[in-house]
C-alpha cells in the first residue's frame, strides 16, 4: 500500500473474505480461533466520493449535449435517450443496455427492468414525463422496433458495450456540456461522472421531489429503504428555487424561468433589470 499498488479498501475486502473462511474453519474445528477477525485488523479507508447531478441546469446541459452528439453522429440517435434513462429512471448501465422494446410501455408510462442482480432488481419503473417524451421521440426515430430489438442497440442491432458508452457517449457529452456551461460562466458538471452517478441522480431527484423511501426503494430495485437513504439520498441543490426547477424539468416545462430567483427577477423594475 505504501508503494501505491493496492488500496486500503482492497486490503479490507480481502481480510473480510479471509475472516469468513476462517470462521468456517473454526466451526469445523480445523483452527482454534479466527486470526482475520476484528476491526483492528482493518485499515482506515476514506469513503469514496460519490458524484451525481444536483440541479436542473446540469441535467439539461448533459442531455442537450448528448442530443447534439446524436445530430452529428452517423449512428441513429441513442445517446440522449440513453442518458435520460440512466438519470431519470435510475437503471444500472447493463440494465439499460439490455432493455428491449417489449420492456417499454409508453401507453402506460412504465419501464420493465428484468433484474439479474437480485430479486428486487426485477422491477417496474414509472416514467417521469420528460423521460416518457424522450423515449417516445426515440421510438419514432427507430426503424427496428421489434419487441426483441434492443432499445439502445448498435447500428447492426447488437448490444452496446458499457465501456463504449462510458468513453464515447458519457465522457464526450460531459466534455461538450462543460464547454457550453463555461461559455455562459456557469459552474461545470462534477468531475468523475459515471453511469452510476446518473443512477444516484435519479434517487436523489425523487427524494428532492418529496417521494417516500419505500417508493424510491421500489424504483431503484433495492431490498431495503435504508440502503437508498444511506447511499443515494443526496442533498440536491435547494438554493434559489431549485426543487421547483427540477420539477419543471421532469414535467417538460420551462424550468429556466421557474424558482425563487425567477420570481424575484420578474418583479424587478426596468431600471434594476437594466443595471
Protein backbone atom coordinates (compact mmCIF):
# COMPACT_ATOMS: atom_id res chain seq x y z
CA UNK A 1 0.00 0.00 0.00
CA UNK A 2 2.90 2.36 0.69
CA UNK A 3 4.05 1.85 -2.89
CA UNK A 4 0.60 2.78 -4.15
CA UNK A 5 -0.04 -0.63 -5.73
CA UNK A 6 -3.11 -1.50 -3.66
CA UNK A 7 -5.58 0.50 -1.59
CA UNK A 8 -6.95 0.07 1.91
CA UNK A 9 -10.39 -0.83 0.56
CA UNK A 10 -9.00 -3.76 -1.44
CA UNK A 11 -6.99 -4.97 1.55
CA UNK A 12 -10.02 -4.79 3.83
CA UNK A 13 -12.11 -6.68 1.28
CA UNK A 14 -9.52 -9.44 1.24
CA UNK A 15 -9.46 -9.53 5.05
CA UNK A 16 -13.24 -9.87 5.20
CA UNK A 17 -13.08 -12.81 2.82
CA UNK A 18 -10.33 -14.42 4.87
CA UNK A 19 -12.34 -13.88 8.06
CA UNK A 20 -15.33 -15.66 6.53
CA UNK A 21 -13.14 -18.61 5.50
CA UNK A 22 -11.51 -18.86 8.93
CA UNK A 23 -14.93 -18.66 10.57
CA UNK A 24 -15.86 -21.85 8.77
CA UNK A 25 -12.54 -23.40 9.79
CA UNK A 26 -13.26 -22.61 13.46
CA UNK A 27 -16.74 -24.13 13.15
CA UNK A 28 -15.29 -27.35 11.71
CA UNK A 29 -12.55 -27.49 14.36
CA UNK A 30 -9.62 -27.04 11.99
CA UNK A 31 -8.30 -23.99 13.90
CA UNK A 32 -8.86 -22.66 17.41
CA UNK A 33 -9.51 -19.04 16.53
CA UNK A 34 -10.15 -16.70 13.63
CA UNK A 35 -6.94 -14.69 13.05
CA UNK A 36 -8.57 -12.37 10.48
CA UNK A 37 -11.49 -11.34 12.67
CA UNK A 38 -11.75 -7.97 14.39
CA UNK A 39 -11.87 -4.31 13.40
CA UNK A 40 -8.28 -3.76 14.49
CA UNK A 41 -7.21 -5.91 11.56
CA UNK A 42 -8.74 -3.41 9.15
CA UNK A 43 -7.03 -0.39 7.68
CA UNK A 44 -8.65 3.07 7.76
CA UNK A 45 -10.18 3.77 4.37
CA UNK A 46 -11.60 7.02 3.10
CA UNK A 47 -15.21 6.92 1.95
CA UNK A 48 -15.48 7.06 -1.84
CA UNK A 49 -16.60 10.34 -3.33
CA UNK A 50 -19.95 9.64 -4.93
CA UNK A 51 -20.82 12.05 -7.72
CA UNK A 52 -24.26 12.97 -9.03
CA UNK A 53 -26.05 15.89 -10.70
CA UNK A 54 -27.81 18.18 -8.25
CA UNK A 55 -29.52 20.84 -10.36
CA UNK A 56 -31.81 21.14 -13.35
CA UNK A 57 -29.31 23.18 -15.35
CA UNK A 58 -26.70 20.42 -15.16
CA UNK A 59 -29.14 17.65 -16.09
CA UNK A 60 -30.44 19.68 -19.03
CA UNK A 61 -26.90 20.56 -20.16
CA UNK A 62 -25.88 16.90 -20.22
CA UNK A 63 -28.96 15.79 -22.16
CA UNK A 64 -28.67 18.68 -24.63
CA UNK A 65 -25.02 17.86 -25.26
CA UNK A 66 -25.90 14.21 -25.87
CA UNK A 67 -28.61 15.30 -28.28
CA UNK A 68 -26.15 17.35 -30.29
CA UNK A 69 -23.77 14.39 -30.43
CA UNK A 70 -26.69 12.39 -31.83
CA UNK A 71 -27.27 15.01 -34.53
CA UNK A 72 -23.60 14.90 -35.53
CA UNK A 73 -23.23 11.10 -35.35
CA UNK A 74 -23.57 8.53 -38.08
CA UNK A 75 -25.46 6.02 -35.93
CA UNK A 76 -29.16 6.66 -35.26
CA UNK A 77 -29.52 8.91 -32.23
CA UNK A 78 -29.50 6.95 -28.99
CA UNK A 79 -27.17 8.99 -26.76
CA UNK A 80 -29.70 11.48 -25.38
CA UNK A 81 -32.45 8.93 -24.63
CA UNK A 82 -29.89 6.56 -23.10
CA UNK A 83 -28.51 9.20 -20.72
CA UNK A 84 -32.11 10.19 -19.98
CA UNK A 85 -32.91 6.61 -18.95
CA UNK A 86 -29.84 6.48 -16.71
CA UNK A 87 -30.55 9.79 -14.97
CA UNK A 88 -34.37 9.80 -14.97
CA UNK A 89 -35.09 6.09 -14.38
CA UNK A 90 -32.04 5.07 -12.35
CA UNK A 91 -31.12 2.00 -14.34
CA UNK A 92 -27.70 0.42 -13.98
CA UNK A 93 -25.70 0.67 -17.18
CA UNK A 94 -26.10 -3.01 -18.06
CA UNK A 95 -29.82 -2.88 -17.28
CA UNK A 96 -30.21 -0.01 -19.73
CA UNK A 97 -28.20 -1.71 -22.46
CA UNK A 98 -30.24 -4.91 -22.09
CA UNK A 99 -33.57 -3.10 -22.49
CA UNK A 100 -35.71 -4.34 -25.35
CA UNK A 101 -38.75 -2.61 -26.79
CA UNK A 102 -41.08 -5.15 -25.16
CA UNK A 103 -39.92 -3.73 -21.82
CA UNK A 104 -41.14 -0.22 -22.71
CA UNK A 105 -44.84 0.60 -22.32
CA UNK A 106 -45.28 4.21 -23.42
CA UNK A 107 -49.07 3.99 -23.22
CA UNK A 108 -48.97 3.10 -19.51
CA UNK A 109 -45.84 5.13 -18.85
CA UNK A 110 -43.80 2.27 -17.40
CA UNK A 111 -40.44 0.65 -17.96
CA UNK A 112 -39.96 -3.02 -17.11
CA UNK A 113 -36.47 -3.80 -15.80
CA UNK A 114 -35.62 -7.50 -15.98
CA UNK A 115 -33.39 -7.89 -12.95
CA UNK A 116 -30.41 -10.22 -12.71
CA UNK A 117 -28.60 -8.80 -9.68
CA UNK A 118 -31.29 -9.50 -7.04
CA UNK A 119 -34.99 -10.36 -6.97
CA UNK A 120 -35.72 -6.72 -6.16
CA UNK A 121 -33.79 -5.63 -9.25
CA UNK A 122 -36.63 -7.06 -11.35
CA UNK A 123 -38.96 -4.07 -11.18
CA UNK A 124 -41.26 -1.65 -12.96
CA UNK A 125 -40.18 1.99 -13.10
CA UNK A 126 -42.76 4.73 -13.52
CA UNK A 127 -41.67 7.00 -16.35
CA UNK A 128 -41.29 10.66 -15.46
CA UNK A 129 -42.99 12.88 -18.08
CA UNK A 130 -39.71 14.09 -19.59
CA UNK A 131 -38.37 10.55 -19.94
CA UNK A 132 -41.62 9.39 -21.48
CA UNK A 133 -41.29 12.09 -24.13
CA UNK A 134 -37.63 11.22 -24.74
CA UNK A 135 -38.44 7.54 -25.29
CA UNK A 136 -41.42 8.37 -27.50
CA UNK A 137 -39.20 10.51 -29.72
CA UNK A 138 -36.54 7.79 -29.76
CA UNK A 139 -39.14 5.18 -30.70
CA UNK A 140 -40.40 7.31 -33.59
CA UNK A 141 -36.84 7.64 -34.94
CA UNK A 142 -36.00 3.92 -34.80
CA UNK A 143 -36.61 1.71 -37.80
CA UNK A 144 -36.35 -1.54 -35.84
CA UNK A 145 -38.93 -1.57 -33.07
CA UNK A 146 -39.50 -5.31 -32.98
CA UNK A 147 -40.35 -6.46 -29.44
CA UNK A 148 -37.00 -8.21 -29.02
CA UNK A 149 -34.91 -5.41 -30.54
CA UNK A 150 -32.60 -3.53 -28.19
CA UNK A 151 -33.82 -0.04 -27.31
CA UNK A 152 -30.25 1.26 -27.49
CA UNK A 153 -28.77 -1.26 -29.91
CA UNK A 154 -25.87 -0.80 -32.30
CA UNK A 155 -26.34 0.01 -35.99
CA UNK A 156 -26.41 -3.75 -36.64
CA UNK A 157 -28.90 -4.46 -33.86
CA UNK A 158 -26.41 -5.80 -31.35
CA UNK A 159 -25.96 -4.91 -27.70
CA UNK A 160 -23.89 -1.83 -26.93
CA UNK A 161 -20.69 -2.11 -24.88
CA UNK A 162 -20.76 -0.46 -21.45
CA UNK A 163 -17.14 0.62 -21.96
CA UNK A 164 -18.03 2.39 -25.20
CA UNK A 165 -20.93 4.15 -23.51
CA UNK A 166 -18.65 5.43 -20.75
CA UNK A 167 -15.93 6.62 -23.14
CA UNK A 168 -17.73 7.59 -26.32
CA UNK A 169 -21.09 8.77 -25.01
CA UNK A 170 -20.99 9.96 -21.42
CA UNK A 171 -17.42 11.34 -21.44
CA UNK A 172 -18.00 13.25 -24.68
CA UNK A 173 -21.36 14.58 -23.55
CA UNK A 174 -19.81 15.79 -20.29
CA UNK A 175 -16.98 17.49 -22.18
CA UNK A 176 -19.36 19.28 -24.54
CA UNK A 177 -21.72 20.27 -21.73
CA UNK A 178 -18.83 21.73 -19.73
CA UNK A 179 -17.66 23.77 -22.70
CA UNK A 180 -21.10 25.32 -23.06
CA UNK A 181 -21.53 25.92 -19.34
CA UNK A 182 -18.12 27.61 -19.20
CA UNK A 183 -19.11 29.86 -22.12
CA UNK A 184 -22.07 31.04 -20.02
CA UNK A 185 -19.83 31.42 -16.96
CA UNK A 186 -21.73 28.64 -15.18
CA UNK A 187 -20.13 26.03 -12.92
CA UNK A 188 -19.37 22.83 -14.80
CA UNK A 189 -20.52 19.29 -14.14
CA UNK A 190 -18.88 17.41 -11.25
CA UNK A 191 -15.61 15.65 -12.01
CA UNK A 192 -15.66 11.88 -12.32
CA UNK A 193 -19.22 11.40 -13.55
CA UNK A 194 -20.03 7.77 -14.35
CA UNK A 195 -23.20 5.95 -15.41
CA UNK A 196 -23.72 5.10 -11.74
CA UNK A 197 -23.54 8.83 -10.93
CA UNK A 198 -26.67 9.21 -13.05
CA UNK A 199 -28.35 6.41 -11.08
CA UNK A 200 -27.63 8.37 -7.89
CA UNK A 201 -29.04 11.45 -9.59
CA UNK A 202 -32.36 9.69 -10.12
CA UNK A 203 -32.68 8.58 -6.48
CA UNK A 204 -31.70 11.99 -5.17
CA UNK A 205 -34.12 13.62 -7.60
CA UNK A 206 -37.01 11.52 -6.25
CA UNK A 207 -36.13 12.47 -2.67
CA UNK A 208 -35.86 16.15 -3.63
CA UNK A 209 -39.36 15.93 -5.09
CA UNK A 210 -40.71 14.51 -1.84
CA UNK A 211 -41.08 10.81 -2.70
CA UNK A 212 -41.10 8.35 0.21
CA UNK A 213 -38.19 5.94 0.93
CA UNK A 214 -40.30 2.82 0.13
CA UNK A 215 -41.24 4.26 -3.27
CA UNK A 216 -37.63 5.19 -4.05
CA UNK A 217 -36.59 1.69 -2.94
CA UNK A 218 -39.04 0.09 -5.36
CA UNK A 219 -37.95 2.33 -8.25
CA UNK A 220 -34.26 1.67 -7.60
CA UNK A 221 -34.62 -2.08 -7.12
CA UNK A 222 -33.33 -2.16 -3.55
CA UNK A 223 -34.31 -4.61 -0.85
CA UNK A 224 -34.27 -2.03 1.94
CA UNK A 225 -35.14 1.68 2.09
CA UNK A 226 -32.18 2.12 4.43
CA UNK A 227 -29.79 1.44 1.55
CA UNK A 228 -31.41 4.11 -0.59
CA UNK A 229 -31.31 6.60 2.27
CA UNK A 230 -27.73 5.85 3.32
CA UNK A 231 -26.15 5.87 -0.15
CA UNK A 232 -28.39 7.58 -2.67
CA UNK A 233 -30.35 10.22 -0.75
CA UNK A 234 -28.06 13.08 -1.64
CA UNK A 235 -28.94 16.64 -0.75
CA UNK A 236 -29.97 18.19 -4.04
CA UNK A 237 -29.08 21.84 -4.56
CA UNK A 238 -32.04 23.59 -2.92
CA UNK A 239 -30.87 27.17 -3.34
CA UNK A 240 -32.82 29.72 -5.35
CA UNK A 241 -35.89 27.56 -6.00
CA UNK A 242 -34.01 24.52 -7.31
CA UNK A 243 -36.73 21.99 -6.33
CA UNK A 244 -39.22 23.95 -8.46
CA UNK A 245 -36.83 23.94 -11.41
CA UNK A 246 -36.24 20.20 -11.03
CA UNK A 247 -39.97 19.53 -11.01
CA UNK A 248 -40.49 21.76 -14.05
CA UNK A 249 -37.67 19.96 -15.89
CA UNK A 250 -39.04 16.46 -15.39
CA UNK A 251 -42.52 17.67 -16.34
CA UNK A 252 -41.20 19.05 -19.62
CA UNK A 253 -41.95 22.66 -18.66
CA UNK A 254 -39.80 25.79 -18.89
CA UNK A 255 -37.53 25.01 -15.94
CA UNK A 256 -35.21 28.00 -16.53
CA UNK A 257 -37.91 30.52 -15.62
CA UNK A 258 -39.04 28.59 -12.55
CA UNK A 259 -37.97 29.05 -8.94
CA UNK A 260 -37.44 31.71 -6.31
CA UNK A 261 -34.78 33.53 -8.28
CA UNK A 262 -37.01 33.74 -11.35
CA UNK A 263 -39.89 35.15 -9.33
CA UNK A 264 -37.60 37.75 -7.79
CA UNK A 265 -36.30 38.79 -11.19
CA UNK A 266 -39.81 39.04 -12.53
CA UNK A 267 -40.71 41.83 -10.09
CA UNK A 268 -37.62 43.95 -10.78
CA UNK A 269 -38.15 47.44 -12.05
CA UNK A 270 -36.91 48.24 -15.57
CA UNK A 271 -34.06 50.27 -14.04
CA UNK A 272 -32.99 47.33 -11.88
CA UNK A 273 -33.13 44.93 -14.82
CA UNK A 274 -31.01 47.28 -16.93
CA UNK A 275 -28.45 47.58 -14.13
